[in-house]
Structure formats: structure tokens, C-alpha cells
């Protein structure tokens, strides 16, 4: 079963890196959609089914914490896993996001293995890794 992913970050280059890492992860990925902030992400979700959202916290117009609140308060999306990928390290922000229902938290810079491990927890592990996919080389992004 292929998984659809929504990557939300105001940095075009960071979205490209995250998409590359997802491709290297070996999971059976369907479509990867992108949004530059929380408002764009909510608009994208109106016509795109995502199985998981990977979002930055600090973005213009609507940040990742507000996006998380909106997703968790909507009965249609409340079960959607949201992973925070961000430079934010203040304990109150991190713990607040996890208490609101974030499925996980990855601090930038990250290693591809960090995203692969968290996606494995969300998608159910190795049985969802596609055939012929290679392991990622260790590197930090």
C-alpha cells in the first residue's frame, strides 16, 4: 500500500531535502505534496489525501503548531499523524506539540535514519518498505 505524504515548510530547499530523504527511506510512497505554510497545507488537504504530514514549526501566515491544532480539532483530520521537523528546541514548545497530538518530533539538522525510523513507527515498519529500495547513506540534513 502506497502512502501519501504532505511536506510543509517555508523553505523550498528544505522541502526538497525532506522529499529526497523520504524517497531514500524505502517506504512505498504514493504522492508527496508540498505546502509553504499551514494555510497552504489546510488548502491542500481539501483535495489531497495525506497519510502523514511532516511540518516545520516556524513559518509565516500559519505556523506548524497552529496547523497541528487545526488538524486535531477537525473530525475529518484528527487521526492524521503530524510530525514536527524543526529547529525549535524549547522544551515547552516540543512538549506542547506532543501533548496536542503530534506523532513525533525531529530536530533539524536531522539524519535520514531519523525520518525513516519515525515513518516506520507510523506506517508499521519494514513490511511497508518497497522492493529494490536501497538504504540511505548516513548524512545529516
C-alpha atoms as a PDB file:
ATOM      1  CA  UNK A   1       0.000   0.000   0.000  1.00  0.00           C
ATOM      2  CA  UNK A   2       1.459   3.352  -1.030  1.00  0.00           C
ATOM      3  CA  UNK A   3       1.415   6.226   1.462  1.00  0.00           C
ATOM      4  CA  UNK A   4       0.739   9.862   0.559  1.00  0.00           C
ATOM      5  CA  UNK A   5       2.754  12.481   2.411  1.00  0.00           C
ATOM      6  CA  UNK A   6       2.330  16.238   2.809  1.00  0.00           C
ATOM      7  CA  UNK A   7       5.570  18.157   3.476  1.00  0.00           C
ATOM      8  CA  UNK A   8       5.029  21.627   4.964  1.00  0.00           C
ATOM      9  CA  UNK A   9       7.970  24.029   5.240  1.00  0.00           C
ATOM     10  CA  UNK A  10       8.501  27.613   4.140  1.00  0.00           C
ATOM     11  CA  UNK A  11      11.924  26.684   2.753  1.00  0.00           C
ATOM     12  CA  UNK A  12      11.777  25.239  -0.769  1.00  0.00           C
ATOM     13  CA  UNK A  13      15.214  23.673  -0.301  1.00  0.00           C
ATOM     14  CA  UNK A  14      14.196  22.005   2.983  1.00  0.00           C
ATOM     15  CA  UNK A  15      11.077  20.569   1.330  1.00  0.00           C
ATOM     16  CA  UNK A  16      13.308  19.166  -1.429  1.00  0.00           C
ATOM     17  CA  UNK A  17      15.656  17.609   1.136  1.00  0.00           C
ATOM     18  CA  UNK A  18      12.793  16.032   3.079  1.00  0.00           C
ATOM     19  CA  UNK A  19      11.281  14.650  -0.142  1.00  0.00           C
ATOM     20  CA  UNK A  20      14.684  13.201  -1.116  1.00  0.00           C
ATOM     21  CA  UNK A  21      15.052  11.568   2.302  1.00  0.00           C
ATOM     22  CA  UNK A  22      11.545  10.099   2.054  1.00  0.00           C
ATOM     23  CA  UNK A  23      12.456   8.684  -1.368  1.00  0.00           C
ATOM     24  CA  UNK A  24      15.611   7.152   0.110  1.00  0.00           C
ATOM     25  CA  UNK A  25      13.693   5.642   3.035  1.00  0.00           C
ATOM     26  CA  UNK A  26      12.428   2.690   1.039  1.00  0.00           C
ATOM     27  CA  UNK A  27       8.790   3.091   2.056  1.00  0.00           C
ATOM     28  CA  UNK A  28       6.126   2.543  -0.556  1.00  0.00           C
ATOM     29  CA  UNK A  29       5.280   6.200  -1.195  1.00  0.00           C
ATOM     30  CA  UNK A  30       2.483   7.296  -3.496  1.00  0.00           C
ATOM     31  CA  UNK A  31       2.371  11.077  -3.849  1.00  0.00           C
ATOM     32  CA  UNK A  32       4.311  13.688  -1.936  1.00  0.00           C
ATOM     33  CA  UNK A  33       2.568  17.054  -1.866  1.00  0.00           C
ATOM     34  CA  UNK A  34       4.096  20.310  -0.635  1.00  0.00           C
ATOM     35  CA  UNK A  35       2.936  23.448   1.134  1.00  0.00           C
ATOM     36  CA  UNK A  36       4.844  26.552   2.223  1.00  0.00           C
ATOM     37  CA  UNK A  37       2.894  27.199   5.433  1.00  0.00           C
ATOM     38  CA  UNK A  38      -0.039  25.971   7.492  1.00  0.00           C
ATOM     39  CA  UNK A  39      -2.676  27.833   5.480  1.00  0.00           C
ATOM     40  CA  UNK A  40      -1.412  26.286   2.245  1.00  0.00           C
ATOM     41  CA  UNK A  41      -1.371  22.877   3.932  1.00  0.00           C
ATOM     42  CA  UNK A  42      -5.013  23.169   5.018  1.00  0.00           C
ATOM     43  CA  UNK A  43      -5.982  24.216   1.487  1.00  0.00           C
ATOM     44  CA  UNK A  44      -4.007  21.275   0.045  1.00  0.00           C
ATOM     45  CA  UNK A  45      -5.810  18.850   2.372  1.00  0.00           C
ATOM     46  CA  UNK A  46      -9.134  19.858   0.829  1.00  0.00           C
ATOM     47  CA  UNK A  47      -8.289  17.837  -2.307  1.00  0.00           C
ATOM     48  CA  UNK A  48      -5.279  15.696  -1.318  1.00  0.00           C
ATOM     49  CA  UNK A  49      -5.460  12.679   0.954  1.00  0.00           C
ATOM     50  CA  UNK A  50      -2.352  12.523   3.148  1.00  0.00           C
ATOM     51  CA  UNK A  51      -1.429   9.573   5.332  1.00  0.00           C
ATOM     52  CA  UNK A  52       1.072  11.696   7.277  1.00  0.00           C
ATOM     53  CA  UNK A  53       2.135  15.346   7.469  1.00  0.00           C
ATOM     54  CA  UNK A  54       5.724  16.410   8.075  1.00  0.00           C
ATOM     55  CA  UNK A  55       5.779  20.071   9.115  1.00  0.00           C
ATOM     56  CA  UNK A  56       8.113  22.768  10.270  1.00  0.00           C
ATOM     57  CA  UNK A  57       7.023  24.868  13.253  1.00  0.00           C
ATOM     58  CA  UNK A  58       8.263  28.341  12.310  1.00  0.00           C
ATOM     59  CA  UNK A  59       6.517  29.511   9.120  1.00  0.00           C
ATOM     60  CA  UNK A  60       4.763  32.701   8.016  1.00  0.00           C
ATOM     61  CA  UNK A  61       0.964  33.093   7.887  1.00  0.00           C
ATOM     62  CA  UNK A  62       0.267  29.924   9.917  1.00  0.00           C
ATOM     63  CA  UNK A  63       2.934  28.081  11.871  1.00  0.00           C
ATOM     64  CA  UNK A  64       3.167  24.342  12.435  1.00  0.00           C
ATOM     65  CA  UNK A  65       1.718  24.422  15.954  1.00  0.00           C
ATOM     66  CA  UNK A  66      -1.411  26.226  14.722  1.00  0.00           C
ATOM     67  CA  UNK A  67      -1.612  23.767  11.802  1.00  0.00           C
ATOM     68  CA  UNK A  68      -1.440  20.890  14.296  1.00  0.00           C
ATOM     69  CA  UNK A  69      -4.221  22.469  16.402  1.00  0.00           C
ATOM     70  CA  UNK A  70      -6.451  22.888  13.339  1.00  0.00           C
ATOM     71  CA  UNK A  71      -5.842  19.319  12.147  1.00  0.00           C
ATOM     72  CA  UNK A  72      -6.514  17.802  15.575  1.00  0.00           C
ATOM     73  CA  UNK A  73      -9.678  19.891  16.083  1.00  0.00           C
ATOM     74  CA  UNK A  74     -11.262  18.767  12.795  1.00  0.00           C
ATOM     75  CA  UNK A  75     -13.116  15.419  12.999  1.00  0.00           C
ATOM     76  CA  UNK A  76     -12.143  14.671   9.373  1.00  0.00           C
ATOM     77  CA  UNK A  77      -8.388  15.004  10.060  1.00  0.00           C
ATOM     78  CA  UNK A  78      -7.981  14.453  13.800  1.00  0.00           C
ATOM     79  CA  UNK A  79      -6.462  10.985  13.301  1.00  0.00           C
ATOM     80  CA  UNK A  80      -3.906  12.193  10.750  1.00  0.00           C
ATOM     81  CA  UNK A  81      -0.341  11.744  12.066  1.00  0.00           C
ATOM     82  CA  UNK A  82       1.594  15.029  12.157  1.00  0.00           C
ATOM     83  CA  UNK A  83       5.372  15.004  12.610  1.00  0.00           C
ATOM     84  CA  UNK A  84       7.204  18.174  13.560  1.00  0.00           C
ATOM     85  CA  UNK A  85      10.574  18.619  11.764  1.00  0.00           C
ATOM     86  CA  UNK A  86      12.087  21.848  13.034  1.00  0.00           C
ATOM     87  CA  UNK A  87      14.960  23.762  14.576  1.00  0.00           C
ATOM     88  CA  UNK A  88      12.747  24.556  17.586  1.00  0.00           C
ATOM     89  CA  UNK A  89      14.272  23.087  20.724  1.00  0.00           C
ATOM     90  CA  UNK A  90      12.465  24.863  23.570  1.00  0.00           C
ATOM     91  CA  UNK A  91      11.067  22.125  25.792  1.00  0.00           C
ATOM     92  CA  UNK A  92       7.725  23.890  26.280  1.00  0.00           C
ATOM     93  CA  UNK A  93       7.134  24.066  22.516  1.00  0.00           C
ATOM     94  CA  UNK A  94       8.221  20.471  21.884  1.00  0.00           C
ATOM     95  CA  UNK A  95       6.233  19.006  24.772  1.00  0.00           C
ATOM     96  CA  UNK A  96       3.249  21.219  23.897  1.00  0.00           C
ATOM     97  CA  UNK A  97       3.179  19.868  20.334  1.00  0.00           C
ATOM     98  CA  UNK A  98       3.424  16.286  21.573  1.00  0.00           C
ATOM     99  CA  UNK A  99       0.653  16.898  24.129  1.00  0.00           C
ATOM    100  CA  UNK A 100      -1.554  18.313  21.332  1.00  0.00           C
ATOM    101  CA  UNK A 101      -1.163  15.042  19.456  1.00  0.00           C
ATOM    102  CA  UNK A 102       1.937  15.335  17.275  1.00  0.00           C
ATOM    103  CA  UNK A 103       3.027  11.837  16.234  1.00  0.00           C
ATOM    104  CA  UNK A 104       6.685  12.737  16.650  1.00  0.00           C
ATOM    105  CA  UNK A 105       9.366  15.377  16.643  1.00  0.00           C
ATOM    106  CA  UNK A 106      12.605  15.514  14.642  1.00  0.00           C
ATOM    107  CA  UNK A 107      15.124  18.285  15.260  1.00  0.00           C
ATOM    108  CA  UNK A 108      16.980  19.898  12.355  1.00  0.00           C
ATOM    109  CA  UNK A 109      19.617  19.098  11.348  1.00  0.00           C
ATOM    110  CA  UNK A 110      18.432  15.526  11.053  1.00  0.00           C
ATOM    111  CA  UNK A 111      19.785  12.271   9.703  1.00  0.00           C
ATOM    112  CA  UNK A 112      17.793  10.337   7.084  1.00  0.00           C
ATOM    113  CA  UNK A 113      17.601   7.482   9.595  1.00  0.00           C
ATOM    114  CA  UNK A 114      15.630   9.749  11.954  1.00  0.00           C
ATOM    115  CA  UNK A 115      12.855  10.225   9.409  1.00  0.00           C
ATOM    116  CA  UNK A 116      12.938   6.575   8.342  1.00  0.00           C
ATOM    117  CA  UNK A 117      12.594   5.389  11.947  1.00  0.00           C
ATOM    118  CA  UNK A 118       9.664   7.682  12.680  1.00  0.00           C
ATOM    119  CA  UNK A 119       7.899   6.795   9.419  1.00  0.00           C
ATOM    120  CA  UNK A 120       8.457   3.136  10.313  1.00  0.00           C
ATOM    121  CA  UNK A 121       6.629   3.667  13.594  1.00  0.00           C
ATOM    122  CA  UNK A 122       3.751   5.436  11.840  1.00  0.00           C
ATOM    123  CA  UNK A 123       3.470   3.145   8.802  1.00  0.00           C
ATOM    124  CA  UNK A 124       4.053  -0.091  10.629  1.00  0.00           C
ATOM    125  CA  UNK A 125       7.681  -0.927   9.969  1.00  0.00           C
ATOM    126  CA  UNK A 126       9.653  -2.913   7.454  1.00  0.00           C
ATOM    127  CA  UNK A 127       6.669  -4.656   5.832  1.00  0.00           C
ATOM    128  CA  UNK A 128       5.901  -1.359   4.093  1.00  0.00           C
ATOM    129  CA  UNK A 129       9.354  -0.880   2.582  1.00  0.00           C
ATOM    130  CA  UNK A 130       9.223  -1.239  -1.183  1.00  0.00           C
ATOM    131  CA  UNK A 131      11.159  -3.842  -3.136  1.00  0.00           C
ATOM    132  CA  UNK A 132      14.538  -2.831  -4.507  1.00  0.00           C
ATOM    133  CA  UNK A 133      14.870   0.310  -2.398  1.00  0.00           C
ATOM    134  CA  UNK A 134      18.349   0.966  -1.088  1.00  0.00           C
ATOM    135  CA  UNK A 135      19.328   2.027   2.395  1.00  0.00           C
ATOM    136  CA  UNK A 136      20.318   5.652   2.781  1.00  0.00           C
ATOM    137  CA  UNK A 137      23.925   6.586   3.377  1.00  0.00           C
ATOM    138  CA  UNK A 138      24.474   8.261   6.711  1.00  0.00           C
ATOM    139  CA  UNK A 139      24.393  12.025   6.399  1.00  0.00           C
ATOM    140  CA  UNK A 140      22.929  14.987   8.215  1.00  0.00           C
ATOM    141  CA  UNK A 141      20.446  17.441   6.706  1.00  0.00           C
END
